[in-house]
Amino acid sequence: MGNLSKTLTIGLDSAPVINIRISRRSTTVTTKLSIEHENFVFALQRGIWLLGIAAWTFGIIDRSTATLMDGSLSAVDMIQLFTAAFFFVCWLFLKPPRRSPRIAPSEVQKASL
């Protein structure tokens, strides 16, 4: 496959202002980089969400043991426990969308060979 390239000149009258060179090779690299960026962001979101689940679970267990170890049940302890549980449920609703990571077109061609 040859390198397909086009040049676009935008300007007023005869004086060119902007020269844009578009080549197939650069768009493939850009597409591959954007797919890699998208996969990284997806993995980062998923990792942060899973870390948040662990943190909120620890917080609820901590508040529950603190409430039960006193021997008396106070309103402040209950409010803290319900607040932690409320934020944990809200965190569960912030789950990133479920999707499989995208594969760059060059990797698809390599896999099909």
C-alpha atoms as a PDB file:
ATOM      1  CA  MET A   1       0.000   0.000   0.000  1.00  0.00           C
ATOM      2  CA  GLY A   2       1.305   3.370  -0.969  1.00  0.00           C
ATOM      3  CA  ASN A   3       1.276   6.390   1.246  1.00  0.00           C
ATOM      4  CA  LEU A   4      -1.862   8.344   0.333  1.00  0.00           C
ATOM      5  CA  SER A   5      -1.436  12.058   1.003  1.00  0.00           C
ATOM      6  CA  LYS A   6      -3.357  15.183   0.164  1.00  0.00           C
ATOM      7  CA  THR A   7      -2.558  18.842   0.665  1.00  0.00           C
ATOM      8  CA  LEU A   8      -5.279  21.355   1.433  1.00  0.00           C
ATOM      9  CA  THR A   9      -4.530  25.062   1.118  1.00  0.00           C
ATOM     10  CA  ILE A  10      -6.841  27.593   2.718  1.00  0.00           C
ATOM     11  CA  GLY A  11      -6.314  31.272   2.073  1.00  0.00           C
ATOM     12  CA  LEU A  12      -7.665  34.553   0.771  1.00  0.00           C
ATOM     13  CA  ASP A  13      -7.178  35.329  -2.916  1.00  0.00           C
ATOM     14  CA  SER A  14      -3.750  34.018  -3.876  1.00  0.00           C
ATOM     15  CA  ALA A  15      -1.928  34.142  -0.500  1.00  0.00           C
ATOM     16  CA  PRO A  16      -2.137  30.752   1.260  1.00  0.00           C
ATOM     17  CA  VAL A  17      -2.767  31.016   4.991  1.00  0.00           C
ATOM     18  CA  ILE A  18      -2.966  27.401   6.153  1.00  0.00           C
ATOM     19  CA  ASN A  19      -1.399  24.315   4.598  1.00  0.00           C
ATOM     20  CA  ILE A  20      -2.698  21.010   5.910  1.00  0.00           C
ATOM     21  CA  ARG A  21      -1.118  17.744   4.839  1.00  0.00           C
ATOM     22  CA  ILE A  22      -3.199  14.656   5.446  1.00  0.00           C
ATOM     23  CA  SER A  23      -1.656  11.228   5.066  1.00  0.00           C
ATOM     24  CA  ARG A  24      -3.115   7.806   5.682  1.00  0.00           C
ATOM     25  CA  ARG A  25      -0.127   6.811   7.819  1.00  0.00           C
ATOM     26  CA  SER A  26      -0.600   9.662  10.321  1.00  0.00           C
ATOM     27  CA  THR A  27      -4.322   8.973  10.739  1.00  0.00           C
ATOM     28  CA  THR A  28      -3.558   5.316  11.508  1.00  0.00           C
ATOM     29  CA  VAL A  29      -1.045   6.343  14.165  1.00  0.00           C
ATOM     30  CA  THR A  30      -3.491   8.889  15.591  1.00  0.00           C
ATOM     31  CA  THR A  31      -6.265   6.291  15.673  1.00  0.00           C
ATOM     32  CA  LYS A  32      -3.982   3.801  17.407  1.00  0.00           C
ATOM     33  CA  LEU A  33      -2.940   6.398  19.990  1.00  0.00           C
ATOM     34  CA  SER A  34      -6.523   7.463  20.657  1.00  0.00           C
ATOM     35  CA  ILE A  35      -7.579   3.825  21.127  1.00  0.00           C
ATOM     36  CA  GLU A  36      -4.658   3.245  23.504  1.00  0.00           C
ATOM     37  CA  HIS A  37      -5.619   6.418  25.396  1.00  0.00           C
ATOM     38  CA  GLU A  38      -9.247   5.273  25.579  1.00  0.00           C
ATOM     39  CA  ASN A  39      -8.200   1.841  26.899  1.00  0.00           C
ATOM     40  CA  PHE A  40      -5.962   3.479  29.526  1.00  0.00           C
ATOM     41  CA  VAL A  41      -8.749   5.796  30.703  1.00  0.00           C
ATOM     42  CA  PHE A  42     -11.165   2.842  30.893  1.00  0.00           C
ATOM     43  CA  ALA A  43      -8.706   0.813  32.988  1.00  0.00           C
ATOM     44  CA  LEU A  44      -8.028   3.813  35.235  1.00  0.00           C
ATOM     45  CA  GLN A  45     -11.743   4.442  35.824  1.00  0.00           C
ATOM     46  CA  ARG A  46     -12.342   0.788  36.610  1.00  0.00           C
ATOM     47  CA  GLY A  47      -9.357   0.670  38.992  1.00  0.00           C
ATOM     48  CA  ILE A  48     -10.436   3.804  40.860  1.00  0.00           C
ATOM     49  CA  TRP A  49     -13.975   2.426  41.164  1.00  0.00           C
ATOM     50  CA  LEU A  50     -12.716  -0.891  42.589  1.00  0.00           C
ATOM     51  CA  LEU A  51     -10.419   0.940  45.014  1.00  0.00           C
ATOM     52  CA  GLY A  52     -13.405   3.025  46.142  1.00  0.00           C
ATOM     53  CA  ILE A  53     -15.423  -0.114  46.847  1.00  0.00           C
ATOM     54  CA  ALA A  54     -12.635  -1.440  49.062  1.00  0.00           C
ATOM     55  CA  ALA A  55     -12.335   1.919  50.866  1.00  0.00           C
ATOM     56  CA  TRP A  56     -16.082   2.279  51.512  1.00  0.00           C
ATOM     57  CA  THR A  57     -16.331  -1.343  52.669  1.00  0.00           C
ATOM     58  CA  PHE A  58     -13.507  -0.721  55.125  1.00  0.00           C
ATOM     59  CA  GLY A  59     -15.225   2.469  56.313  1.00  0.00           C
ATOM     60  CA  ILE A  60     -18.543   0.709  56.925  1.00  0.00           C
ATOM     61  CA  ILE A  61     -16.842  -2.148  58.793  1.00  0.00           C
ATOM     62  CA  ASP A  62     -14.846   0.359  60.858  1.00  0.00           C
ATOM     63  CA  ARG A  63     -17.954   2.352  61.791  1.00  0.00           C
ATOM     64  CA  SER A  64     -19.904  -0.843  62.567  1.00  0.00           C
ATOM     65  CA  THR A  65     -17.239  -2.193  64.913  1.00  0.00           C
ATOM     66  CA  ALA A  66     -16.863   1.211  66.591  1.00  0.00           C
ATOM     67  CA  THR A  67     -20.644   1.365  67.100  1.00  0.00           C
ATOM     68  CA  LEU A  68     -20.894  -2.154  68.502  1.00  0.00           C
ATOM     69  CA  MET A  69     -17.764  -2.049  70.718  1.00  0.00           C
ATOM     70  CA  ASP A  70     -19.074   0.767  72.934  1.00  0.00           C
ATOM     71  CA  GLY A  71     -21.875  -1.368  74.254  1.00  0.00           C
ATOM     72  CA  SER A  72     -24.308   1.493  73.828  1.00  0.00           C
ATOM     73  CA  LEU A  73     -25.971   2.620  70.633  1.00  0.00           C
ATOM     74  CA  SER A  74     -25.888   6.405  70.211  1.00  0.00           C
ATOM     75  CA  ALA A  75     -27.574   8.557  67.600  1.00  0.00           C
ATOM     76  CA  VAL A  76     -24.234   9.968  66.422  1.00  0.00           C
ATOM     77  CA  ASP A  77     -22.855   6.478  65.786  1.00  0.00           C
ATOM     78  CA  MET A  78     -25.966   5.514  63.838  1.00  0.00           C
ATOM     79  CA  ILE A  79     -25.808   8.694  61.730  1.00  0.00           C
ATOM     80  CA  GLN A  80     -22.144   7.993  60.901  1.00  0.00           C
ATOM     81  CA  LEU A  81     -22.945   4.403  59.959  1.00  0.00           C
ATOM     82  CA  PHE A  82     -25.912   5.339  57.775  1.00  0.00           C
ATOM     83  CA  THR A  83     -23.923   8.129  56.118  1.00  0.00           C
ATOM     84  CA  ALA A  84     -21.115   5.719  55.215  1.00  0.00           C
ATOM     85  CA  ALA A  85     -23.652   3.191  53.903  1.00  0.00           C
ATOM     86  CA  PHE A  86     -25.390   5.907  51.843  1.00  0.00           C
ATOM     87  CA  PHE A  87     -22.111   7.013  50.234  1.00  0.00           C
ATOM     88  CA  PHE A  88     -21.206   3.380  49.541  1.00  0.00           C
ATOM     89  CA  VAL A  89     -24.492   2.827  47.682  1.00  0.00           C
ATOM     90  CA  CYS A  90     -23.945   6.079  45.749  1.00  0.00           C
ATOM     91  CA  TRP A  91     -20.449   4.875  44.834  1.00  0.00           C
ATOM     92  CA  LEU A  92     -21.911   1.645  43.455  1.00  0.00           C
ATOM     93  CA  PHE A  93     -24.113   3.678  41.105  1.00  0.00           C
ATOM     94  CA  LEU A  94     -20.996   5.421  39.735  1.00  0.00           C
ATOM     95  CA  LYS A  95     -19.778   2.179  38.146  1.00  0.00           C
ATOM     96  CA  PRO A  96     -18.062   2.827  34.801  1.00  0.00           C
ATOM     97  CA  PRO A  97     -19.899   1.485  31.741  1.00  0.00           C
ATOM     98  CA  ARG A  98     -19.261  -2.151  30.945  1.00  0.00           C
ATOM     99  CA  ARG A  99     -17.487  -2.581  27.638  1.00  0.00           C
ATOM    100  CA  SER A 100     -14.562  -4.476  26.247  1.00  0.00           C
ATOM    101  CA  PRO A 101     -11.418  -2.471  25.475  1.00  0.00           C
ATOM    102  CA  ARG A 102     -11.068  -1.490  21.809  1.00  0.00           C
ATOM    103  CA  ILE A 103      -8.290  -2.935  19.686  1.00  0.00           C
ATOM    104  CA  ALA A 104      -6.275  -0.837  17.264  1.00  0.00           C
ATOM    105  CA  PRO A 105      -6.866  -1.633  13.539  1.00  0.00           C
ATOM    106  CA  SER A 106      -3.233  -2.689  13.048  1.00  0.00           C
ATOM    107  CA  GLU A 107      -3.572  -5.225  15.879  1.00  0.00           C
ATOM    108  CA  VAL A 108      -6.749  -6.626  14.297  1.00  0.00           C
ATOM    109  CA  GLN A 109      -4.878  -7.153  11.033  1.00  0.00           C
ATOM    110  CA  LYS A 110      -2.023  -8.889  12.894  1.00  0.00           C
ATOM    111  CA  ALA A 111      -4.481 -11.140  14.758  1.00  0.00           C
ATOM    112  CA  SER A 112      -6.246 -12.196  11.549  1.00  0.00           C
ATOM    113  CA  LEU A 113      -2.982 -13.292   9.874  1.00  0.00           C
END
